[in-house]
PDB file of N, CA and C in Angstrom:
ATOM      1  N   MET A   1       0.823  -1.196   0.000  1.00  0.00           N
ATOM      2  CA  MET A   1       0.000   0.000   0.000  1.00  0.00           C
ATOM      3  C   MET A   1       0.864   1.256   0.000  1.00  0.00           C
ATOM      4  N   GLN A   2       2.023   1.171   0.625  1.00  0.00           N
ATOM      5  CA  GLN A   2       2.882   2.341   0.717  1.00  0.00           C
ATOM      6  C   GLN A   2       3.373   2.784  -0.665  1.00  0.00           C
ATOM      7  N   ARG A   3       3.620   1.848  -1.552  1.00  0.00           N
ATOM      8  CA  ARG A   3       4.113   2.205  -2.882  1.00  0.00           C
ATOM      9  C   ARG A   3       3.061   2.952  -3.684  1.00  0.00           C
ATOM     10  N   LYS A   4       1.798   2.589  -3.516  1.00  0.00           N
ATOM     11  CA  LYS A   4       0.737   3.305  -4.224  1.00  0.00           C
ATOM     12  C   LYS A   4       0.644   4.737  -3.732  1.00  0.00           C
ATOM     13  N   GLU A   5       0.724   4.917  -2.433  1.00  0.00           N
ATOM     14  CA  GLU A   5       0.658   6.265  -1.874  1.00  0.00           C
ATOM     15  C   GLU A   5       1.856   7.094  -2.315  1.00  0.00           C
ATOM     16  N   GLU A   6       3.021   6.475  -2.358  1.00  0.00           N
ATOM     17  CA  GLU A   6       4.218   7.173  -2.802  1.00  0.00           C
ATOM     18  C   GLU A   6       4.088   7.595  -4.258  1.00  0.00           C
ATOM     19  N   ALA A   7       3.526   6.712  -5.063  1.00  0.00           N
ATOM     20  CA  ALA A   7       3.355   7.033  -6.476  1.00  0.00           C
ATOM     21  C   ALA A   7       2.437   8.230  -6.653  1.00  0.00           C
ATOM     22  N   VAL A   8       1.371   8.267  -5.900  1.00  0.00           N
ATOM     23  CA  VAL A   8       0.427   9.373  -6.041  1.00  0.00           C
ATOM     24  C   VAL A   8       1.022  10.671  -5.501  1.00  0.00           C
ATOM     25  N   LYS A   9       1.697  10.596  -4.366  1.00  0.00           N
ATOM     26  CA  LYS A   9       2.247  11.809  -3.754  1.00  0.00           C
ATOM     27  C   LYS A   9       3.438  12.364  -4.516  1.00  0.00           C
ATOM     28  N   ARG A  10       4.285  11.492  -5.037  1.00  0.00           N
ATOM     29  CA  ARG A  10       5.513  11.965  -5.672  1.00  0.00           C
ATOM     30  C   ARG A  10       5.378  12.119  -7.178  1.00  0.00           C
ATOM     31  N   TRP A  11       4.691  11.194  -7.837  1.00  0.00           N
ATOM     32  CA  TRP A  11       4.699  11.180  -9.291  1.00  0.00           C
ATOM     33  C   TRP A  11       3.540  11.925  -9.914  1.00  0.00           C
ATOM     34  N   PHE A  12       2.439  12.073  -9.215  1.00  0.00           N
ATOM     35  CA  PHE A  12       1.297  12.794  -9.786  1.00  0.00           C
ATOM     36  C   PHE A  12       1.629  14.255 -10.087  1.00  0.00           C
ATOM     37  N   PRO A  13       2.342  14.973  -9.192  1.00  0.00           N
ATOM     38  CA  PRO A  13       2.717  16.350  -9.556  1.00  0.00           C
ATOM     39  C   PRO A  13       3.614  16.415 -10.787  1.00  0.00           C
ATOM     40  N   LEU A  14       4.507  15.449 -10.957  1.00  0.00           N
ATOM     41  CA  LEU A  14       5.361  15.444 -12.146  1.00  0.00           C
ATOM     42  C   LEU A  14       4.544  15.169 -13.407  1.00  0.00           C
ATOM     43  N   ALA A  15       3.563  14.311 -13.296  1.00  0.00           N
ATOM     44  CA  ALA A  15       2.692  14.042 -14.439  1.00  0.00           C
ATOM     45  C   ALA A  15       1.874  15.283 -14.786  1.00  0.00           C
ATOM     46  N   THR A  16       1.467  16.025 -13.777  1.00  0.00           N
ATOM     47  CA  THR A  16       0.721  17.261 -14.012  1.00  0.00           C
ATOM     48  C   THR A  16       1.599  18.294 -14.712  1.00  0.00           C
ATOM     49  N   ILE A  17       2.849  18.386 -14.306  1.00  0.00           N
ATOM     50  CA  ILE A  17       3.774  19.320 -14.959  1.00  0.00           C
ATOM     51  C   ILE A  17       3.991  18.918 -16.418  1.00  0.00           C
ATOM     52  N   ALA A  18       4.153  17.627 -16.683  1.00  0.00           N
ATOM     53  CA  ALA A  18       4.326  17.158 -18.059  1.00  0.00           C
ATOM     54  C   ALA A  18       3.093  17.470 -18.901  1.00  0.00           C
ATOM     55  N   ALA A  19       1.924  17.291 -18.328  1.00  0.00           N
ATOM     56  CA  ALA A  19       0.693  17.618 -19.051  1.00  0.00           C
ATOM     57  C   ALA A  19       0.603  19.114 -19.308  1.00  0.00           C
ATOM     58  N   GLY A  20       1.035  19.917 -18.348  1.00  0.00           N
ATOM     59  CA  GLY A  20       1.022  21.371 -18.528  1.00  0.00           C
ATOM     60  C   GLY A  20       1.966  21.816 -19.627  1.00  0.00           C
ATOM     61  N   ILE A  21       3.139  21.222 -19.673  1.00  0.00           N
ATOM     62  CA  ILE A  21       4.092  21.559 -20.736  1.00  0.00           C
ATOM     63  C   ILE A  21       3.520  21.175 -22.089  1.00  0.00           C
ATOM     64  N   SER A  22       2.935  20.011 -22.170  1.00  0.00           N
ATOM     65  CA  SER A  22       2.318  19.570 -23.419  1.00  0.00           C
ATOM     66  C   SER A  22       1.186  20.508 -23.833  1.00  0.00           C
ATOM     67  N   PHE A  23       0.400  20.945 -22.865  1.00  0.00           N
ATOM     68  CA  PHE A  23      -0.704  21.859 -23.159  1.00  0.00           C
ATOM     69  C   PHE A  23      -0.186  23.176 -23.737  1.00  0.00           C
ATOM     70  N   VAL A  24       0.820  23.736 -23.107  1.00  0.00           N
ATOM     71  CA  VAL A  24       1.351  25.022 -23.554  1.00  0.00           C
ATOM     72  C   VAL A  24       1.951  24.907 -24.953  1.00  0.00           C
ATOM     73  N   VAL A  25       2.740  23.858 -25.181  1.00  0.00           N
ATOM     74  CA  VAL A  25       3.392  23.704 -26.484  1.00  0.00           C
ATOM     75  C   VAL A  25       2.368  23.507 -27.593  1.00  0.00           C
ATOM     76  N   THR A  26       1.407  22.623 -27.382  1.00  0.00           N
ATOM     77  CA  THR A  26       0.418  22.390 -28.435  1.00  0.00           C
ATOM     78  C   THR A  26      -0.502  23.588 -28.622  1.00  0.00           C
ATOM     79  N   PHE A  27      -0.754  24.326 -27.553  1.00  0.00           N
ATOM     80  CA  PHE A  27      -1.586  25.526 -27.676  1.00  0.00           C
ATOM     81  C   PHE A  27      -0.846  26.607 -28.470  1.00  0.00           C
ATOM     82  N   LEU A  28       0.451  26.739 -28.218  1.00  0.00           N
ATOM     83  CA  LEU A  28       1.243  27.734 -28.944  1.00  0.00           C
ATOM     84  C   LEU A  28       1.410  27.386 -30.423  1.00  0.00           C
ATOM     85  N   LEU A  29       1.314  26.114 -30.749  1.00  0.00           N
ATOM     86  CA  LEU A  29       1.411  25.694 -32.149  1.00  0.00           C
ATOM     87  C   LEU A  29       0.084  25.841 -32.891  1.00  0.00           C
ATOM     88  N   ASN A  30      -0.904  26.384 -32.232  1.00  0.00           N
ATOM     89  CA  ASN A  30      -2.230  26.628 -32.818  1.00  0.00           C
ATOM     90  C   ASN A  30      -2.863  25.354 -33.379  1.00  0.00           C
ATOM     91  N   LEU A  31      -2.738  24.276 -32.640  1.00  0.00           N
ATOM     92  CA  LEU A  31      -3.396  23.037 -33.045  1.00  0.00           C
ATOM     93  C   LEU A  31      -4.869  23.089 -32.650  1.00  0.00           C
ATOM     94  N   PRO A  32      -5.684  22.278 -33.275  1.00  0.00           N
ATOM     95  CA  PRO A  32      -7.104  22.241 -32.911  1.00  0.00           C
ATOM     96  C   PRO A  32      -7.273  21.841 -31.443  1.00  0.00           C
ATOM     97  N   PRO A  33      -8.329  22.334 -30.803  1.00  0.00           N
ATOM     98  CA  PRO A  33      -8.540  22.038 -29.374  1.00  0.00           C
ATOM     99  C   PRO A  33      -8.619  20.548 -29.062  1.00  0.00           C
ATOM    100  N   GLU A  34      -9.140  19.745 -29.980  1.00  0.00           N
ATOM    101  CA  GLU A  34      -9.222  18.310 -29.731  1.00  0.00           C
ATOM    102  C   GLU A  34      -7.831  17.706 -29.588  1.00  0.00           C
ATOM    103  N   ARG A  35      -6.919  18.154 -30.417  1.00  0.00           N
ATOM    104  CA  ARG A  35      -5.551  17.628 -30.341  1.00  0.00           C
ATOM    105  C   ARG A  35      -4.828  18.133 -29.104  1.00  0.00           C
ATOM    106  N   VAL A  36      -5.120  19.355 -28.693  1.00  0.00           N
ATOM    107  CA  VAL A  36      -4.504  19.902 -27.484  1.00  0.00           C
ATOM    108  C   VAL A  36      -4.930  19.080 -26.267  1.00  0.00           C
ATOM    109  N   VAL A  37      -6.201  18.800 -26.170  1.00  0.00           N
ATOM    110  CA  VAL A  37      -6.720  18.024 -25.044  1.00  0.00           C
ATOM    111  C   VAL A  37      -6.178  16.592 -25.087  1.00  0.00           C
ATOM    112  N   ALA A  38      -6.165  15.997 -26.268  1.00  0.00           N
ATOM    113  CA  ALA A  38      -5.681  14.621 -26.397  1.00  0.00           C
ATOM    114  C   ALA A  38      -4.200  14.521 -26.047  1.00  0.00           C
ATOM    115  N   SER A  39      -3.395  15.434 -26.530  1.00  0.00           N
ATOM    116  CA  SER A  39      -1.960  15.359 -26.241  1.00  0.00           C
ATOM    117  C   SER A  39      -1.678  15.629 -24.767  1.00  0.00           C
ATOM    118  N   THR A  40      -2.444  16.530 -24.165  1.00  0.00           N
ATOM    119  CA  THR A  40      -2.268  16.812 -22.747  1.00  0.00           C
ATOM    120  C   THR A  40      -2.616  15.591 -21.904  1.00  0.00           C
ATOM    121  N   ALA A  41      -3.723  14.963 -22.214  1.00  0.00           N
ATOM    122  CA  ALA A  41      -4.144  13.775 -21.464  1.00  0.00           C
ATOM    123  C   ALA A  41      -3.158  12.628 -21.650  1.00  0.00           C
ATOM    124  N   LEU A  42      -2.704  12.411 -22.870  1.00  0.00           N
ATOM    125  CA  LEU A  42      -1.762  11.323 -23.126  1.00  0.00           C
ATOM    126  C   LEU A  42      -0.418  11.565 -22.446  1.00  0.00           C
ATOM    127  N   ALA A  43       0.062  12.790 -22.471  1.00  0.00           N
ATOM    128  CA  ALA A  43       1.337  13.099 -21.821  1.00  0.00           C
ATOM    129  C   ALA A  43       1.250  12.831 -20.317  1.00  0.00           C
ATOM    130  N   GLY A  44       0.200  13.306 -19.686  1.00  0.00           N
ATOM    131  CA  GLY A  44       0.021  13.069 -18.257  1.00  0.00           C
ATOM    132  C   GLY A  44      -0.121  11.595 -17.934  1.00  0.00           C
ATOM    133  N   LEU A  45      -0.869  10.879 -18.746  1.00  0.00           N
ATOM    134  CA  LEU A  45      -1.089   9.450 -18.513  1.00  0.00           C
ATOM    135  C   LEU A  45       0.187   8.646 -18.694  1.00  0.00           C
ATOM    136  N   ILE A  46       0.944   8.948 -19.718  1.00  0.00           N
ATOM    137  CA  ILE A  46       2.178   8.200 -19.976  1.00  0.00           C
ATOM    138  C   ILE A  46       3.196   8.438 -18.875  1.00  0.00           C
ATOM    139  N   VAL A  47       3.365   9.681 -18.464  1.00  0.00           N
ATOM    140  CA  VAL A  47       4.336   9.986 -17.418  1.00  0.00           C
ATOM    141  C   VAL A  47       3.920   9.353 -16.098  1.00  0.00           C
ATOM    142  N   PHE A  48       2.654   9.498 -15.720  1.00  0.00           N
ATOM    143  CA  PHE A  48       2.202   8.927 -14.451  1.00  0.00           C
ATOM    144  C   PHE A  48       2.295   7.408 -14.457  1.00  0.00           C
ATOM    145  N   SER A  49       1.875   6.772 -15.548  1.00  0.00           N
ATOM    146  CA  SER A  49       1.909   5.312 -15.573  1.00  0.00           C
ATOM    147  C   SER A  49       3.344   4.795 -15.537  1.00  0.00           C
ATOM    148  N   GLY A  50       4.254   5.496 -16.193  1.00  0.00           N
ATOM    149  CA  GLY A  50       5.652   5.091 -16.139  1.00  0.00           C
ATOM    150  C   GLY A  50       6.214   5.148 -14.735  1.00  0.00           C
ATOM    151  N   PHE A  51       5.963   6.247 -14.041  1.00  0.00           N
ATOM    152  CA  PHE A  51       6.455   6.373 -12.673  1.00  0.00           C
ATOM    153  C   PHE A  51       5.703   5.441 -11.718  1.00  0.00           C
ATOM    154  N   PHE A  52       4.418   5.224 -11.974  1.00  0.00           N
ATOM    155  CA  PHE A  52       3.635   4.339 -11.119  1.00  0.00           C
ATOM    156  C   PHE A  52       4.182   2.919 -11.182  1.00  0.00           C
ATOM    157  N   PHE A  53       4.450   2.439 -12.390  1.00  0.00           N
ATOM    158  CA  PHE A  53       4.990   1.094 -12.514  1.00  0.00           C
ATOM    159  C   PHE A  53       6.429   1.021 -12.030  1.00  0.00           C
ATOM    160  N   ARG A  54       7.134   2.130 -12.061  1.00  0.00           N
ATOM    161  CA  ARG A  54       8.487   2.165 -11.508  1.00  0.00           C
ATOM    162  C   ARG A  54       8.440   1.922  -9.999  1.00  0.00           C
ATOM    163  N   SER A  55       7.394   2.390  -9.349  1.00  0.00           N
ATOM    164  CA  SER A  55       7.246   2.183  -7.912  1.00  0.00           C
ATOM    165  C   SER A  55       7.114   0.711  -7.561  1.00  0.00           C
ATOM    166  N   PHE A  56       6.632  -0.086  -8.500  1.00  0.00           N
ATOM    167  CA  PHE A  56       6.461  -1.517  -8.257  1.00  0.00           C
ATOM    168  C   PHE A  56       7.598  -2.333  -8.853  1.00  0.00           C
ATOM    169  N   GLY A  57       8.645  -1.653  -9.280  1.00  0.00           N
ATOM    170  CA  GLY A  57       9.787  -2.337  -9.894  1.00  0.00           C
ATOM    171  C   GLY A  57      10.655  -3.035  -8.875  1.00  0.00           C
ATOM    172  N   LYS A  58      11.935  -2.955  -9.073  1.00  0.00           N
ATOM    173  CA  LYS A  58      12.880  -3.639  -8.204  1.00  0.00           C
ATOM    174  C   LYS A  58      12.782  -3.124  -6.776  1.00  0.00           C
ATOM    175  N   ASP A  59      13.138  -3.995  -5.867  1.00  0.00           N
ATOM    176  CA  ASP A  59      13.111  -3.652  -4.451  1.00  0.00           C
ATOM    177  C   ASP A  59      14.147  -2.582  -4.163  1.00  0.00           C
ATOM    178  N   GLU A  60      13.815  -1.648  -3.310  1.00  0.00           N
ATOM    179  CA  GLU A  60      14.725  -0.545  -3.023  1.00  0.00           C
ATOM    180  C   GLU A  60      15.978  -0.994  -2.287  1.00  0.00           C
ATOM    181  N   ASN A  61      15.954  -2.162  -1.655  1.00  0.00           N
ATOM    182  CA  ASN A  61      17.129  -2.656  -0.948  1.00  0.00           C
ATOM    183  C   ASN A  61      18.267  -3.023  -1.899  1.00  0.00           C
ATOM    184  N   THR A  62      17.953  -3.318  -3.155  1.00  0.00           N
ATOM    185  CA  THR A  62      18.993  -3.686  -4.096  1.00  0.00           C
ATOM    186  C   THR A  62      19.830  -2.493  -4.518  1.00  0.00           C
ATOM    187  N   PHE A  63      19.343  -1.286  -4.298  1.00  0.00           N
ATOM    188  CA  PHE A  63      20.061  -0.096  -4.706  1.00  0.00           C
ATOM    189  C   PHE A  63      20.844   0.544  -3.570  1.00  0.00           C
ATOM    190  N   LYS A  64      20.731  -0.007  -2.370  1.00  0.00           N
ATOM    191  CA  LYS A  64      21.472   0.554  -1.248  1.00  0.00           C
ATOM    192  C   LYS A  64      22.957   0.210  -1.377  1.00  0.00           C
ATOM    193  N   GLU A  65      23.787   1.114  -0.885  1.00  0.00           N
ATOM    194  CA  GLU A  65      25.222   0.880  -0.972  1.00  0.00           C
ATOM    195  C   GLU A  65      25.634  -0.233  -0.016  1.00  0.00           C
ATOM    196  N   LYS A  66      26.597  -0.999  -0.449  1.00  0.00           N
ATOM    197  CA  LYS A  66      27.109  -2.070   0.396  1.00  0.00           C
ATOM    198  C   LYS A  66      28.200  -1.519   1.307  1.00  0.00           C
ATOM    199  N   PRO A  67      28.233  -1.949   2.561  1.00  0.00           N
ATOM    200  CA  PRO A  67      29.247  -1.413   3.493  1.00  0.00           C
ATOM    201  C   PRO A  67      30.647  -1.835   3.160  1.00  0.00           C
TER     202      PRO A  67
END
């Protein structure tokens, strides 16, 4: 359960920032509103899902330094 909470607390803001960047860029390129919304949603979804699945990846103990 802790990994899900970590994913939402840490990765959701980054996904929101990625969606915001996508929104600004596509809006500045004067693309149709449907494409702006679609690209914004896809950017946020891809970034969040990538980080979310990263939370369930390898155990964090494998990355700790050995004494």
